[in-house]
Amino acid sequence: MEYLPVIVQSISSLVIACGLVFTGLQFRHWRRVAHVANYTKMVELQMHLRELRVHDPRLAEVYSHDVEGQRDDKAIREYFFNLMQLSVFEIVWFSYREGLLPKDYFGSWERRMYEIAAEKSFREMFANRSMKILHDDFQAYVAEIVRRTPERVAGGGVRSA
């Protein structure tokens, strides 16, 4: 009977310690979620600027380096549309990298990006250095996808890289 208060106090202390550990883990997860949310918002804002140029290609001329090598409005639209596609994939990639997306969902996006990377318009956009603000690791990752993917040619075939 004399040990009962010590046992109750020990259990209470253990419960409090476990609660503090759990709170710390929850805070760490919350920080990661906030980090991904902030990153996503910045990429979305950047994507909106690209969307404006898809709708009105003349806006691309505001920064002359953005349209270097672009032949006409169609080429400008394709360029910025491909950048928008890349922005969406960047959000998916970053969310997966931070552990907030399951592997199978990321895998479906990755498979689709290999298909997109075979397209001539995407490859031309990616090779052009203008108007790209990408996470360095993401840019290297996409460069590897493009390098490993043969270009699709007219008629649905592929050209060896």
C-alpha atoms as a PDB file:
ATOM      1  CA  MET A   1       0.000   0.000   0.000  1.00  0.00           C
ATOM      2  CA  GLU A   2       2.856   2.355   0.723  1.00  0.00           C
ATOM      3  CA  TYR A   3       4.066   2.134  -2.911  1.00  0.00           C
ATOM      4  CA  LEU A   4       0.686   3.019  -4.427  1.00  0.00           C
ATOM      5  CA  PRO A   5       1.250   6.823  -4.502  1.00  0.00           C
ATOM      6  CA  VAL A   6       4.667   6.296  -6.138  1.00  0.00           C
ATOM      7  CA  ILE A   7       3.176   3.967  -8.766  1.00  0.00           C
ATOM      8  CA  VAL A   8       0.329   6.412  -9.543  1.00  0.00           C
ATOM      9  CA  GLN A   9       2.784   9.314  -9.748  1.00  0.00           C
ATOM     10  CA  SER A  10       5.084   7.286 -12.055  1.00  0.00           C
ATOM     11  CA  ILE A  11       2.194   6.411 -14.363  1.00  0.00           C
ATOM     12  CA  SER A  12       1.081  10.054 -14.419  1.00  0.00           C
ATOM     13  CA  SER A  13       4.605  11.201 -15.256  1.00  0.00           C
ATOM     14  CA  LEU A  14       4.864   8.605 -18.014  1.00  0.00           C
ATOM     15  CA  VAL A  15       1.539   9.728 -19.526  1.00  0.00           C
ATOM     16  CA  ILE A  16       2.685  13.374 -19.456  1.00  0.00           C
ATOM     17  CA  ALA A  17       6.011  12.457 -21.092  1.00  0.00           C
ATOM     18  CA  CYS A  18       4.219  10.483 -23.823  1.00  0.00           C
ATOM     19  CA  GLY A  19       1.883  13.435 -24.370  1.00  0.00           C
ATOM     20  CA  LEU A  20       4.857  15.773 -24.821  1.00  0.00           C
ATOM     21  CA  VAL A  21       6.499  13.409 -27.317  1.00  0.00           C
ATOM     22  CA  PHE A  22       3.236  13.104 -29.239  1.00  0.00           C
ATOM     23  CA  THR A  23       2.828  16.898 -29.269  1.00  0.00           C
ATOM     24  CA  GLY A  24       6.372  17.273 -30.609  1.00  0.00           C
ATOM     25  CA  LEU A  25       5.707  14.798 -33.402  1.00  0.00           C
ATOM     26  CA  GLN A  26       2.450  16.544 -34.295  1.00  0.00           C
ATOM     27  CA  PHE A  27       4.231  19.910 -34.368  1.00  0.00           C
ATOM     28  CA  ARG A  28       6.918  18.516 -36.675  1.00  0.00           C
ATOM     29  CA  HIS A  29       4.249  17.166 -39.036  1.00  0.00           C
ATOM     30  CA  TRP A  30       2.374  20.487 -38.925  1.00  0.00           C
ATOM     31  CA  ARG A  31       5.592  22.316 -39.871  1.00  0.00           C
ATOM     32  CA  ARG A  32       6.083  20.016 -42.866  1.00  0.00           C
ATOM     33  CA  VAL A  33       2.481  20.559 -43.987  1.00  0.00           C
ATOM     34  CA  ALA A  34       2.885  24.336 -43.644  1.00  0.00           C
ATOM     35  CA  HIS A  35       6.150  24.185 -45.601  1.00  0.00           C
ATOM     36  CA  VAL A  36       4.483  22.295 -48.462  1.00  0.00           C
ATOM     37  CA  ALA A  37       1.494  24.664 -48.382  1.00  0.00           C
ATOM     38  CA  ASN A  38       3.776  27.709 -48.672  1.00  0.00           C
ATOM     39  CA  TYR A  39       5.768  26.110 -51.485  1.00  0.00           C
ATOM     40  CA  THR A  40       2.557  25.159 -53.287  1.00  0.00           C
ATOM     41  CA  LYS A  41       1.195  28.695 -53.008  1.00  0.00           C
ATOM     42  CA  MET A  42       4.357  30.194 -54.517  1.00  0.00           C
ATOM     43  CA  VAL A  43       4.294  27.739 -57.430  1.00  0.00           C
ATOM     44  CA  GLU A  44       0.570  28.429 -57.943  1.00  0.00           C
ATOM     45  CA  LEU A  45       1.231  32.180 -58.126  1.00  0.00           C
ATOM     46  CA  GLN A  46       3.989  31.589 -60.642  1.00  0.00           C
ATOM     47  CA  MET A  47       1.663  29.317 -62.616  1.00  0.00           C
ATOM     48  CA  HIS A  48      -0.997  32.034 -62.688  1.00  0.00           C
ATOM     49  CA  LEU A  49       1.486  34.430 -64.318  1.00  0.00           C
ATOM     50  CA  ARG A  50       2.154  31.755 -66.928  1.00  0.00           C
ATOM     51  CA  GLU A  51      -1.565  31.225 -67.433  1.00  0.00           C
ATOM     52  CA  LEU A  52      -1.993  34.914 -68.247  1.00  0.00           C
ATOM     53  CA  ARG A  53       0.541  34.487 -71.037  1.00  0.00           C
ATOM     54  CA  VAL A  54      -1.283  31.459 -72.396  1.00  0.00           C
ATOM     55  CA  HIS A  55      -4.456  33.531 -72.604  1.00  0.00           C
ATOM     56  CA  ASP A  56      -2.707  36.615 -74.020  1.00  0.00           C
ATOM     57  CA  PRO A  57       0.696  35.816 -75.582  1.00  0.00           C
ATOM     58  CA  ARG A  58       1.446  39.547 -75.953  1.00  0.00           C
ATOM     59  CA  LEU A  59       2.021  39.661 -72.183  1.00  0.00           C
ATOM     60  CA  ALA A  60       5.057  37.439 -72.667  1.00  0.00           C
ATOM     61  CA  GLU A  61       6.737  40.387 -74.374  1.00  0.00           C
ATOM     62  CA  VAL A  62       6.770  42.337 -71.095  1.00  0.00           C
ATOM     63  CA  TYR A  63      10.039  40.552 -70.343  1.00  0.00           C
ATOM     64  CA  SER A  64      11.749  40.155 -73.695  1.00  0.00           C
ATOM     65  CA  HIS A  65      13.882  37.206 -72.579  1.00  0.00           C
ATOM     66  CA  ASP A  66      10.671  35.236 -71.910  1.00  0.00           C
ATOM     67  CA  VAL A  67       9.915  34.986 -75.619  1.00  0.00           C
ATOM     68  CA  GLU A  68      13.393  34.527 -77.053  1.00  0.00           C
ATOM     69  CA  GLY A  69      13.199  31.902 -79.766  1.00  0.00           C
ATOM     70  CA  GLN A  70       9.379  31.862 -79.841  1.00  0.00           C
ATOM     71  CA  ARG A  71       8.071  32.108 -83.403  1.00  0.00           C
ATOM     72  CA  ASP A  72       4.446  33.136 -82.932  1.00  0.00           C
ATOM     73  CA  ASP A  73       1.489  33.239 -80.506  1.00  0.00           C
ATOM     74  CA  LYS A  74       0.949  29.479 -80.814  1.00  0.00           C
ATOM     75  CA  ALA A  75       4.557  28.779 -79.824  1.00  0.00           C
ATOM     76  CA  ILE A  76       4.282  31.193 -76.871  1.00  0.00           C
ATOM     77  CA  ARG A  77       1.079  29.513 -75.706  1.00  0.00           C
ATOM     78  CA  GLU A  78       2.621  26.053 -75.981  1.00  0.00           C
ATOM     79  CA  TYR A  79       5.725  27.199 -74.125  1.00  0.00           C
ATOM     80  CA  PHE A  80       3.813  28.642 -71.178  1.00  0.00           C
ATOM     81  CA  PHE A  81       1.272  25.796 -71.177  1.00  0.00           C
ATOM     82  CA  ASN A  82       4.144  23.337 -70.806  1.00  0.00           C
ATOM     83  CA  LEU A  83       5.564  25.459 -68.002  1.00  0.00           C
ATOM     84  CA  MET A  84       2.168  25.296 -66.296  1.00  0.00           C
ATOM     85  CA  GLN A  85       2.166  21.497 -66.611  1.00  0.00           C
ATOM     86  CA  LEU A  86       5.651  21.476 -65.129  1.00  0.00           C
ATOM     87  CA  SER A  87       4.454  23.658 -62.231  1.00  0.00           C
ATOM     88  CA  VAL A  88       1.692  21.220 -61.341  1.00  0.00           C
ATOM     89  CA  PHE A  89       4.150  18.336 -61.410  1.00  0.00           C
ATOM     90  CA  GLU A  90       6.570  20.341 -59.257  1.00  0.00           C
ATOM     91  CA  ILE A  91       3.894  20.617 -56.568  1.00  0.00           C
ATOM     92  CA  VAL A  92       3.240  16.863 -56.781  1.00  0.00           C
ATOM     93  CA  TRP A  93       6.985  16.118 -56.662  1.00  0.00           C
ATOM     94  CA  PHE A  94       7.593  18.393 -53.663  1.00  0.00           C
ATOM     95  CA  SER A  95       4.594  17.033 -51.748  1.00  0.00           C
ATOM     96  CA  TYR A  96       5.822  13.471 -52.359  1.00  0.00           C
ATOM     97  CA  ARG A  97       9.374  14.390 -51.395  1.00  0.00           C
ATOM     98  CA  GLU A  98       8.087  15.805 -48.106  1.00  0.00           C
ATOM     99  CA  GLY A  99       6.142  12.619 -47.394  1.00  0.00           C
ATOM    100  CA  LEU A 100       2.664  14.058 -47.921  1.00  0.00           C
ATOM    101  CA  LEU A 101       1.663  12.062 -51.025  1.00  0.00           C
ATOM    102  CA  PRO A 102       1.555   8.274 -51.324  1.00  0.00           C
ATOM    103  CA  LYS A 103       4.036   6.545 -53.625  1.00  0.00           C
ATOM    104  CA  ASP A 104       1.367   5.116 -55.934  1.00  0.00           C
ATOM    105  CA  TYR A 105      -0.171   8.546 -56.586  1.00  0.00           C
ATOM    106  CA  PHE A 106       3.232  10.053 -57.282  1.00  0.00           C
ATOM    107  CA  GLY A 107       3.999   7.084 -59.553  1.00  0.00           C
ATOM    108  CA  SER A 108       0.967   7.817 -61.710  1.00  0.00           C
ATOM    109  CA  TRP A 109       2.154  11.410 -62.154  1.00  0.00           C
ATOM    110  CA  GLU A 110       5.683  10.287 -62.874  1.00  0.00           C
ATOM    111  CA  ARG A 111       4.503   7.884 -65.593  1.00  0.00           C
ATOM    112  CA  ARG A 112       2.472  10.683 -67.187  1.00  0.00           C
ATOM    113  CA  MET A 113       5.485  13.022 -67.090  1.00  0.00           C
ATOM    114  CA  TYR A 114       7.535  10.463 -69.020  1.00  0.00           C
ATOM    115  CA  GLU A 115       4.836  10.575 -71.707  1.00  0.00           C
ATOM    116  CA  ILE A 116       4.819  14.383 -71.698  1.00  0.00           C
ATOM    117  CA  ALA A 117       8.638  14.503 -71.773  1.00  0.00           C
ATOM    118  CA  ALA A 118       8.523  12.692 -75.124  1.00  0.00           C
ATOM    119  CA  GLU A 119       6.620  15.590 -76.695  1.00  0.00           C
ATOM    120  CA  LYS A 120       8.590  17.991 -78.868  1.00  0.00           C
ATOM    121  CA  SER A 121       6.948  21.108 -77.384  1.00  0.00           C
ATOM    122  CA  PHE A 122       7.832  20.020 -73.837  1.00  0.00           C
ATOM    123  CA  ARG A 123      11.421  19.234 -74.775  1.00  0.00           C
ATOM    124  CA  GLU A 124      11.813  22.605 -76.486  1.00  0.00           C
ATOM    125  CA  MET A 125      10.384  24.384 -73.438  1.00  0.00           C
ATOM    126  CA  PHE A 126      12.672  22.513 -71.080  1.00  0.00           C
ATOM    127  CA  ALA A 127      15.755  23.216 -73.204  1.00  0.00           C
ATOM    128  CA  ASN A 128      14.944  26.948 -73.248  1.00  0.00           C
ATOM    129  CA  ARG A 129      16.501  28.687 -70.229  1.00  0.00           C
ATOM    130  CA  SER A 130      14.066  31.611 -70.029  1.00  0.00           C
ATOM    131  CA  MET A 131      11.226  31.986 -67.525  1.00  0.00           C
ATOM    132  CA  LYS A 132      12.039  28.982 -65.413  1.00  0.00           C
ATOM    133  CA  ILE A 133      12.057  29.215 -61.657  1.00  0.00           C
ATOM    134  CA  LEU A 134      12.282  25.647 -60.398  1.00  0.00           C
ATOM    135  CA  HIS A 135      13.596  23.941 -57.295  1.00  0.00           C
ATOM    136  CA  ASP A 136      17.157  22.886 -58.196  1.00  0.00           C
ATOM    137  CA  ASP A 137      16.559  19.239 -57.267  1.00  0.00           C
ATOM    138  CA  PHE A 138      13.328  19.213 -59.269  1.00  0.00           C
ATOM    139  CA  GLN A 139      15.022  20.689 -62.321  1.00  0.00           C
ATOM    140  CA  ALA A 140      17.711  17.991 -62.159  1.00  0.00           C
ATOM    141  CA  TYR A 141      15.027  15.314 -61.727  1.00  0.00           C
ATOM    142  CA  VAL A 142      13.064  16.514 -64.789  1.00  0.00           C
ATOM    143  CA  ALA A 143      16.277  16.848 -66.810  1.00  0.00           C
ATOM    144  CA  GLU A 144      16.908  13.172 -66.095  1.00  0.00           C
ATOM    145  CA  ILE A 145      13.364  12.275 -67.195  1.00  0.00           C
ATOM    146  CA  VAL A 146      13.876  14.200 -70.448  1.00  0.00           C
ATOM    147  CA  ARG A 147      17.310  12.619 -70.977  1.00  0.00           C
ATOM    148  CA  ARG A 148      15.946   9.093 -70.478  1.00  0.00           C
ATOM    149  CA  THR A 149      12.852   9.609 -72.648  1.00  0.00           C
ATOM    150  CA  PRO A 150      13.080   9.358 -76.442  1.00  0.00           C
ATOM    151  CA  GLU A 151      11.360  12.156 -78.350  1.00  0.00           C
ATOM    152  CA  ARG A 152       7.996  11.335 -79.899  1.00  0.00           C
ATOM    153  CA  VAL A 153       7.848  12.066 -83.632  1.00  0.00           C
ATOM    154  CA  ALA A 154       4.871  12.657 -85.911  1.00  0.00           C
ATOM    155  CA  GLY A 155       2.758   9.525 -86.260  1.00  0.00           C
ATOM    156  CA  GLY A 156       3.257   8.421 -82.658  1.00  0.00           C
ATOM    157  CA  GLY A 157       6.700   6.828 -82.965  1.00  0.00           C
ATOM    158  CA  VAL A 158       9.720   7.766 -80.903  1.00  0.00           C
ATOM    159  CA  ARG A 159      13.121   9.045 -81.931  1.00  0.00           C
ATOM    160  CA  SER A 160      16.133   7.690 -80.063  1.00  0.00           C
ATOM    161  CA  ALA A 161      17.732  10.203 -77.762  1.00  0.00           C
END
